[in-house]
């Protein structure tokens, strides 16, 4: 099992460690609900070093990124970040990712931990068509980089103390290269997976310990705490953010998943994997849609529970569900037939032999 540059810190702090995506990762420290509220109200730190990072460089870098991803990377300028996905050629999704534009010939693709090898193989199969050589213009740096996500309303105020450039007014989905905690050429970005503001800090593994200590020292006066992956999941679900492997996967299309906004068919975008199939779905409609729902009856929806109509007829299934720590009600996401996808539609969650009432809602569930 792999470790990150921060693993020993987690163990020393008494974190409950679990295997995740091949890594030994902290699931919680003092409890998911308490950690969740720390991020909503103050500032919390996630070790997300298990995420993958792939560099794409050279004169054909943009053409390659345009072909393998669904969004239009041509609109990116240096310092901008974009959410996107890899269509798999069969109407599904290889992975969702972030595209960082360093310059017009250099892109950093940040991918999900569990999919690093799958994504890498997928890109390597296509790279030669664009004159990119795996190991050179296409380079997998996943094992060389560590990353902390510092999240919460006080995160940027705390991190400003260790940054050599202004960060408190940075726009969402932007990044800067700067010196952080005395470490040069750090990528400091504002993307977030919690809905509470904050940043992500990318450094070489050798600088991990220095970064960790500086982050916690800077955040001490703001009540900074380490946060496990359990709270990361409840935080992202309250925002209605998709989790690969639950809400999207190789069998779900971005159109079905409500990700039409990252699926562009502009002339500038040009041709890309599954373009014709996805355009047809967008034009003709789909047979299922990903929706958010809140429980009306008491109960907690769980992954793979069936969703039904009032008569008990199955209309879909739950992909993600939890008891919302912020709202104190059961919330979930799931695919349903289009007739049941409109906000305020009554649906039911099958829990054992009972039908528990819920209603479809627009996400995010949690509104500050």
Protein backbone atom coordinates (compact mmCIF):
# COMPACT_ATOMS: atom_id res chain seq x y z
CA UNK A 1 0.00 0.00 0.00
CA UNK A 2 1.29 3.44 -0.94
CA UNK A 3 1.89 6.27 1.50
CA UNK A 4 1.91 10.04 0.95
CA UNK A 5 4.38 12.64 2.15
CA UNK A 6 1.95 13.27 5.03
CA UNK A 7 1.05 9.72 6.12
CA UNK A 8 3.16 9.75 9.29
CA UNK A 9 1.52 13.00 10.40
CA UNK A 10 -1.91 11.32 10.15
CA UNK A 11 -0.76 8.31 12.15
CA UNK A 12 0.88 10.48 14.82
CA UNK A 13 -2.36 12.46 15.16
CA UNK A 14 -4.34 9.26 15.75
CA UNK A 15 -6.31 9.24 12.51
CA UNK A 16 -8.36 6.18 11.61
CA UNK A 17 -6.46 4.91 8.57
CA UNK A 18 -8.04 2.89 5.76
CA UNK A 19 -6.93 1.62 2.35
CA UNK A 20 -8.19 3.99 -0.36
CA UNK A 21 -7.22 3.85 -4.04
CA UNK A 22 -4.11 1.90 -3.11
CA UNK A 23 -3.05 4.40 -0.44
CA UNK A 24 -3.10 4.34 3.35
CA UNK A 25 -5.37 7.32 3.97
CA UNK A 26 -7.10 8.98 6.96
CA UNK A 27 -10.86 8.49 6.94
CA UNK A 28 -11.42 10.51 10.13
CA UNK A 29 -9.62 11.97 13.16
CA UNK A 30 -12.24 12.95 15.76
CA UNK A 31 -15.45 12.18 13.87
CA UNK A 32 -16.96 12.99 10.49
CA UNK A 33 -19.64 15.40 11.72
CA UNK A 34 -17.24 17.48 13.79
CA UNK A 35 -14.68 17.58 10.99
CA UNK A 36 -17.42 18.52 8.50
CA UNK A 37 -18.46 21.51 10.62
CA UNK A 38 -14.83 22.60 11.06
CA UNK A 39 -14.62 23.03 7.27
CA UNK A 40 -18.00 24.76 7.03
CA UNK A 41 -17.17 27.23 9.83
CA UNK A 42 -13.38 27.56 10.09
CA UNK A 43 -10.58 25.80 8.20
CA UNK A 44 -9.65 22.16 7.65
CA UNK A 45 -6.81 20.41 5.84
CA UNK A 46 -7.18 17.37 3.59
CA UNK A 47 -4.31 15.24 2.34
CA UNK A 48 -5.26 14.70 -1.30
CA UNK A 49 -1.82 13.57 -2.44
CA UNK A 50 -3.37 10.37 -3.79
CA UNK A 51 -4.80 12.37 -6.70
CA UNK A 52 -2.98 11.92 -10.01
CA UNK A 53 -1.12 14.59 -11.98
CA UNK A 54 -0.25 14.28 -15.67
CA UNK A 55 1.65 16.89 -17.68
CA UNK A 56 0.88 17.49 -21.36
CA UNK A 57 3.46 19.62 -23.17
CA UNK A 58 4.45 20.77 -26.65
CA UNK A 59 2.87 22.41 -29.69
CA UNK A 60 0.19 19.67 -29.92
CA UNK A 61 -0.71 19.74 -26.23
CA UNK A 62 -3.91 21.73 -26.68
CA UNK A 63 -5.08 19.63 -29.63
CA UNK A 64 -4.61 16.50 -27.53
CA UNK A 65 -6.45 17.91 -24.52
CA UNK A 66 -9.29 19.06 -26.79
CA UNK A 67 -9.65 15.57 -28.27
CA UNK A 68 -9.61 13.56 -25.04
CA UNK A 69 -11.74 15.86 -22.86
CA UNK A 70 -15.32 17.09 -23.18
CA UNK A 71 -14.90 20.75 -22.27
CA UNK A 72 -13.38 23.46 -24.49
CA UNK A 73 -9.81 23.94 -23.27
CA UNK A 74 -9.17 26.55 -25.97
CA UNK A 75 -10.88 29.16 -23.79
CA UNK A 76 -8.30 28.69 -21.03
CA UNK A 77 -5.61 31.29 -20.53
CA UNK A 78 -2.55 30.85 -18.29
CA UNK A 79 -3.67 30.77 -14.67
CA UNK A 80 -7.13 29.36 -15.41
CA UNK A 81 -8.51 25.94 -14.43
CA UNK A 82 -11.36 23.99 -16.01
CA UNK A 83 -13.52 21.08 -14.87
CA UNK A 84 -13.90 18.44 -17.57
CA UNK A 85 -14.22 14.71 -18.21
CA UNK A 86 -12.75 12.03 -20.46
CA UNK A 87 -15.43 10.46 -22.69
CA UNK A 88 -14.60 6.76 -23.11
CA UNK A 89 -15.66 6.21 -26.73
CA UNK A 90 -18.66 4.14 -25.64
CA UNK A 91 -20.88 6.86 -24.25
CA UNK A 92 -19.48 6.70 -20.73
CA UNK A 93 -16.86 8.53 -18.67
CA UNK A 94 -13.30 7.34 -18.10
CA UNK A 95 -12.86 9.92 -15.34
CA UNK A 96 -13.56 13.52 -14.43
CA UNK A 97 -10.61 15.87 -14.09
CA UNK A 98 -9.25 19.38 -13.71
CA UNK A 99 -7.31 20.99 -16.57
CA UNK A 100 -4.73 23.61 -15.51
CA UNK A 101 -3.43 25.89 -18.27
CA UNK A 102 0.18 26.76 -17.43
CA UNK A 103 0.70 28.21 -20.90
CA UNK A 104 -0.58 27.43 -24.40
CA UNK A 105 1.84 24.50 -24.70
CA UNK A 106 1.71 23.22 -21.12
CA UNK A 107 -1.27 21.69 -19.29
CA UNK A 108 -1.54 19.89 -15.98
CA UNK A 109 -4.33 17.31 -15.77
CA UNK A 110 -5.41 16.41 -12.23
CA UNK A 111 -7.20 13.06 -12.10
CA UNK A 112 -8.85 10.79 -9.55
CA UNK A 113 -6.70 8.56 -7.38
CA UNK A 114 -8.48 5.31 -8.19
CA UNK A 115 -8.23 5.98 -11.93
CA UNK A 116 -4.61 7.03 -12.36
CA UNK A 117 -3.51 3.89 -14.20
CA UNK A 118 -6.73 3.64 -16.22
CA UNK A 119 -6.52 7.31 -17.25
CA UNK A 120 -2.83 7.00 -18.07
CA UNK A 121 -3.42 3.95 -20.28
CA UNK A 122 -6.31 5.75 -22.00
CA UNK A 123 -4.17 8.81 -22.75
CA UNK A 124 -1.15 6.78 -23.82
CA UNK A 125 -3.24 4.96 -26.43
CA UNK A 126 -4.22 8.29 -28.02
CA UNK A 127 -1.05 10.33 -27.51
CA UNK A 128 0.92 9.06 -30.55
CA UNK A 129 -1.82 10.34 -32.88
CA UNK A 130 -0.87 13.83 -31.68
CA UNK A 131 2.88 13.29 -31.76
CA UNK A 132 3.09 12.99 -27.98
CA UNK A 133 5.45 10.43 -26.49
CA UNK A 134 4.44 8.91 -23.13
CA UNK A 135 7.22 9.67 -20.69
CA UNK A 136 8.16 12.84 -22.56
CA UNK A 137 5.49 15.26 -23.81
CA UNK A 138 2.92 13.19 -21.86
CA UNK A 139 4.33 12.67 -18.39
CA UNK A 140 2.79 10.99 -15.35
CA UNK A 141 4.02 12.87 -12.27
CA UNK A 142 1.49 11.32 -9.87
CA UNK A 143 4.10 9.69 -7.63
CA UNK A 144 6.22 12.85 -7.41
CA UNK A 145 3.69 15.42 -6.23
CA UNK A 146 1.84 15.82 -2.93
CA UNK A 147 -1.16 18.04 -2.38
CA UNK A 148 -2.99 19.62 0.53
CA UNK A 149 -6.52 20.98 0.15
CA UNK A 150 -6.99 23.74 2.74
CA UNK A 151 -10.73 24.36 2.89
CA UNK A 152 -13.11 26.61 4.78
CA UNK A 153 -14.14 30.27 5.06
CA UNK A 154 -10.93 31.17 6.92
CA UNK A 155 -8.59 29.12 4.72
CA UNK A 156 -7.27 31.89 2.48
CA UNK A 157 -6.86 34.31 5.37
CA UNK A 158 -4.69 31.71 7.10
CA UNK A 159 -2.71 30.76 3.99
CA UNK A 160 -1.99 34.38 3.09
CA UNK A 161 0.49 34.36 5.98
CA UNK A 162 2.76 31.90 4.16
CA UNK A 163 2.29 33.06 0.54
CA UNK A 164 4.46 35.63 -1.25
CA UNK A 165 1.59 36.81 -3.48
CA UNK A 166 -1.98 37.96 -2.69
CA UNK A 167 -4.38 35.00 -2.49
CA UNK A 168 -7.46 36.18 -0.57
CA UNK A 169 -9.12 37.69 -3.65
CA UNK A 170 -8.25 34.92 -6.11
CA UNK A 171 -11.16 33.95 -8.35
CA UNK A 172 -12.74 30.50 -8.37
CA UNK A 173 -11.04 28.12 -10.80
CA UNK A 174 -7.79 30.06 -11.06
CA UNK A 175 -4.27 29.34 -9.86
CA UNK A 176 -0.91 31.04 -9.34
CA UNK A 177 2.64 29.77 -9.24
CA UNK A 178 4.31 31.26 -6.19
CA UNK A 179 6.49 30.71 -3.15
CA UNK A 180 4.58 29.15 -0.25
CA UNK A 181 6.21 28.48 3.12
CA UNK A 182 9.54 29.29 1.52
CA UNK A 183 9.00 26.63 -1.16
CA UNK A 184 9.39 28.06 -4.71
CA UNK A 185 7.28 27.22 -7.79
CA UNK A 186 4.29 25.99 -5.84
CA UNK A 187 0.95 25.64 -7.67
CA UNK A 188 -1.68 27.36 -5.52
CA UNK A 189 -5.22 26.93 -6.87
CA UNK A 190 -8.81 27.80 -5.98
CA UNK A 191 -11.06 24.97 -7.16
CA UNK A 192 -12.51 23.30 -4.07
CA UNK A 193 -14.62 20.18 -3.53
CA UNK A 194 -16.34 21.31 -0.34
CA UNK A 195 -18.29 24.46 -1.20
CA UNK A 196 -16.74 26.36 1.70
CA UNK A 197 -13.93 28.13 -0.12
CA UNK A 198 -10.22 27.51 0.22
CA UNK A 199 -7.31 26.35 -1.88
CA UNK A 200 -5.17 23.46 -3.07
CA UNK A 201 -1.38 23.52 -2.71
CA UNK A 202 0.81 21.30 -4.92
CA UNK A 203 4.48 20.69 -4.01
CA UNK A 204 7.16 18.06 -4.64
CA UNK A 205 7.10 15.18 -2.17
CA UNK A 206 10.42 16.31 -0.69
CA UNK A 207 8.77 19.56 0.45
CA UNK A 208 5.69 17.90 1.96
CA UNK A 209 6.74 17.94 5.61
CA UNK A 210 7.79 21.59 5.41
CA UNK A 211 4.45 22.53 3.86
CA UNK A 212 2.40 20.58 6.43
CA UNK A 213 4.12 22.26 9.37
CA UNK A 214 3.82 25.74 7.87
CA UNK A 215 0.12 25.31 7.00
CA UNK A 216 -0.80 24.22 10.52
CA UNK A 217 1.31 26.91 12.14
CA UNK A 218 -0.31 29.59 9.96
CA UNK A 219 -3.79 28.27 10.68
CA UNK A 220 -3.46 27.77 14.42
CA UNK A 221 -5.13 31.08 15.34
CA UNK A 222 -8.06 30.22 13.05
CA UNK A 223 -8.80 26.82 14.60
CA UNK A 224 -7.27 24.77 11.79
CA UNK A 225 -7.75 20.98 12.02
CA UNK A 226 -6.79 17.95 9.89
CA UNK A 227 -9.81 16.46 8.13
CA UNK A 228 -10.35 12.92 6.85
CA UNK A 229 -11.84 11.61 3.63
CA UNK A 230 -15.15 10.80 5.36
CA UNK A 231 -15.98 14.48 5.81
CA UNK A 232 -14.69 15.23 2.32
CA UNK A 233 -17.47 12.98 1.01
CA UNK A 234 -20.26 14.54 3.09
CA UNK A 235 -19.08 18.04 2.19
CA UNK A 236 -19.02 17.36 -1.56
CA UNK A 237 -22.40 15.63 -1.43
CA UNK A 238 -24.02 18.63 0.27
CA UNK A 239 -22.84 20.62 -2.77
CA UNK A 240 -24.15 18.07 -5.27
CA UNK A 241 -20.67 17.42 -6.69
CA UNK A 242 -20.25 14.12 -8.53
CA UNK A 243 -17.99 11.39 -7.17
CA UNK A 244 -16.43 9.12 -9.76
CA UNK A 245 -17.35 5.50 -9.13
CA UNK A 246 -20.64 6.51 -7.53
CA UNK A 247 -22.44 9.21 -9.53
CA UNK A 248 -20.45 8.90 -12.76
CA UNK A 249 -18.54 6.00 -14.27
CA UNK A 250 -17.87 4.14 -17.50
CA UNK A 251 -21.62 3.50 -17.98
CA UNK A 252 -22.91 7.06 -17.44
CA UNK A 253 -22.68 9.85 -19.98
CA UNK A 254 -21.95 13.46 -19.02
CA UNK A 255 -25.33 14.47 -20.48
CA UNK A 256 -27.17 11.98 -18.23
CA UNK A 257 -25.13 13.18 -15.27
CA UNK A 258 -26.13 16.82 -15.73
CA UNK A 259 -22.64 17.68 -16.98
CA UNK A 260 -23.80 19.16 -20.26
CA UNK A 261 -22.15 22.40 -19.10
CA UNK A 262 -18.72 20.76 -19.43
CA UNK A 263 -19.59 19.15 -22.78
CA UNK A 264 -19.00 21.69 -25.54
CA UNK A 265 -19.87 21.41 -29.22
CA UNK A 266 -18.51 24.74 -30.42
CA UNK A 267 -16.57 25.17 -33.65
CA UNK A 268 -13.48 26.06 -31.61
CA UNK A 269 -13.81 22.82 -29.68
CA UNK A 270 -13.78 20.77 -32.85
CA UNK A 271 -13.91 16.98 -32.85
CA UNK A 272 -13.54 14.98 -29.64
CA UNK A 273 -14.21 11.48 -28.38
CA UNK A 274 -17.95 10.63 -28.40
CA UNK A 275 -18.88 14.03 -29.85
CA UNK A 276 -21.59 12.71 -32.17
CA UNK A 277 -23.09 10.41 -29.54
CA UNK A 278 -23.20 13.14 -26.89
CA UNK A 279 -24.61 15.70 -29.32
CA UNK A 280 -27.41 13.26 -30.18
CA UNK A 281 -28.16 12.80 -26.47
CA UNK A 282 -28.24 16.54 -25.94
CA UNK A 283 -30.56 17.00 -28.94
CA UNK A 284 -32.84 13.97 -28.54
CA UNK A 285 -32.82 13.61 -24.76
CA UNK A 286 -31.77 10.79 -22.44
CA UNK A 287 -33.53 7.87 -20.76
CA UNK A 288 -32.30 8.75 -17.26
CA UNK A 289 -31.07 11.81 -15.42
CA UNK A 290 -28.99 12.35 -12.32
CA UNK A 291 -30.97 14.29 -9.71
CA UNK A 292 -30.58 15.42 -6.14
CA UNK A 293 -33.24 14.59 -3.58
CA UNK A 294 -34.02 15.30 0.07
CA UNK A 295 -35.76 12.88 2.39
CA UNK A 296 -39.25 13.86 3.52
CA UNK A 297 -39.67 10.78 5.70
CA UNK A 298 -36.99 9.95 8.24
CA UNK A 299 -34.27 7.79 6.75
CA UNK A 300 -30.84 7.79 5.19
CA UNK A 301 -30.48 6.95 1.49
CA UNK A 302 -27.50 4.74 0.70
CA UNK A 303 -25.58 3.87 -2.46
CA UNK A 304 -27.47 1.35 -4.65
CA UNK A 305 -30.81 1.67 -2.83
CA UNK A 306 -33.65 1.54 -5.36
CA UNK A 307 -35.73 4.62 -6.14
CA UNK A 308 -39.43 4.11 -6.85
CA UNK A 309 -42.68 5.87 -7.67
CA UNK A 310 -45.65 5.98 -5.27
CA UNK A 311 -46.77 2.53 -6.43
CA UNK A 312 -43.39 0.97 -5.73
CA UNK A 313 -42.33 0.71 -9.38
CA UNK A 314 -38.56 1.07 -9.66
CA UNK A 315 -37.58 4.28 -11.49
CA UNK A 316 -33.87 4.41 -10.69
CA UNK A 317 -31.30 3.99 -7.96
CA UNK A 318 -29.31 5.98 -5.43
CA UNK A 319 -25.70 6.73 -6.38
CA UNK A 320 -24.70 8.75 -3.28
CA UNK A 321 -26.49 9.32 0.00
CA UNK A 322 -25.90 10.41 3.58
CA UNK A 323 -27.33 12.19 6.59
CA UNK A 324 -26.36 15.81 5.96
CA UNK A 325 -24.27 17.07 8.89
CA UNK A 326 -25.23 20.68 8.11
CA UNK A 327 -28.93 20.19 7.38
CA UNK A 328 -29.71 17.21 9.64
CA UNK A 329 -31.78 15.45 6.97
CA UNK A 330 -31.11 12.60 4.58
CA UNK A 331 -29.89 13.73 1.15
CA UNK A 332 -28.89 11.83 -1.94
CA UNK A 333 -28.25 11.73 -5.64
CA UNK A 334 -29.45 9.14 -8.10
CA UNK A 335 -30.50 8.39 -11.65
CA UNK A 336 -34.22 8.46 -12.40
CA UNK A 337 -36.43 8.31 -15.45
CA UNK A 338 -36.82 11.81 -16.99
CA UNK A 339 -40.47 12.04 -15.95
CA UNK A 340 -39.34 12.10 -12.32
CA UNK A 341 -36.42 14.53 -12.71
CA UNK A 342 -38.21 17.85 -12.20
CA UNK A 343 -37.69 19.73 -8.92
CA UNK A 344 -40.32 19.02 -6.22
CA UNK A 345 -41.29 15.69 -7.82
CA UNK A 346 -42.20 13.10 -5.21
CA UNK A 347 -40.11 9.94 -5.29
CA UNK A 348 -39.52 7.12 -2.84
CA UNK A 349 -36.44 5.37 -1.53
CA UNK A 350 -36.77 1.64 -1.00
CA UNK A 351 -35.30 0.81 2.41
CA UNK A 352 -35.75 -2.89 3.10
CA UNK A 353 -39.48 -3.41 2.52
CA UNK A 354 -40.49 0.20 3.12
CA UNK A 355 -41.03 3.10 0.75
CA UNK A 356 -39.66 6.31 2.28
CA UNK A 357 -40.87 9.56 0.74
CA UNK A 358 -38.37 12.03 -0.75
CA UNK A 359 -38.54 14.97 -3.13
CA UNK A 360 -36.32 15.99 -6.02
CA UNK A 361 -34.44 19.24 -5.38
CA UNK A 362 -31.98 21.42 -7.23
CA UNK A 363 -28.43 21.18 -5.98
CA UNK A 364 -26.51 22.36 -4.06
CA UNK A 365 -28.41 20.98 -1.08
CA UNK A 366 -26.48 23.17 1.34
CA UNK A 367 -26.74 26.91 0.83
CA UNK A 368 -24.60 29.18 2.95
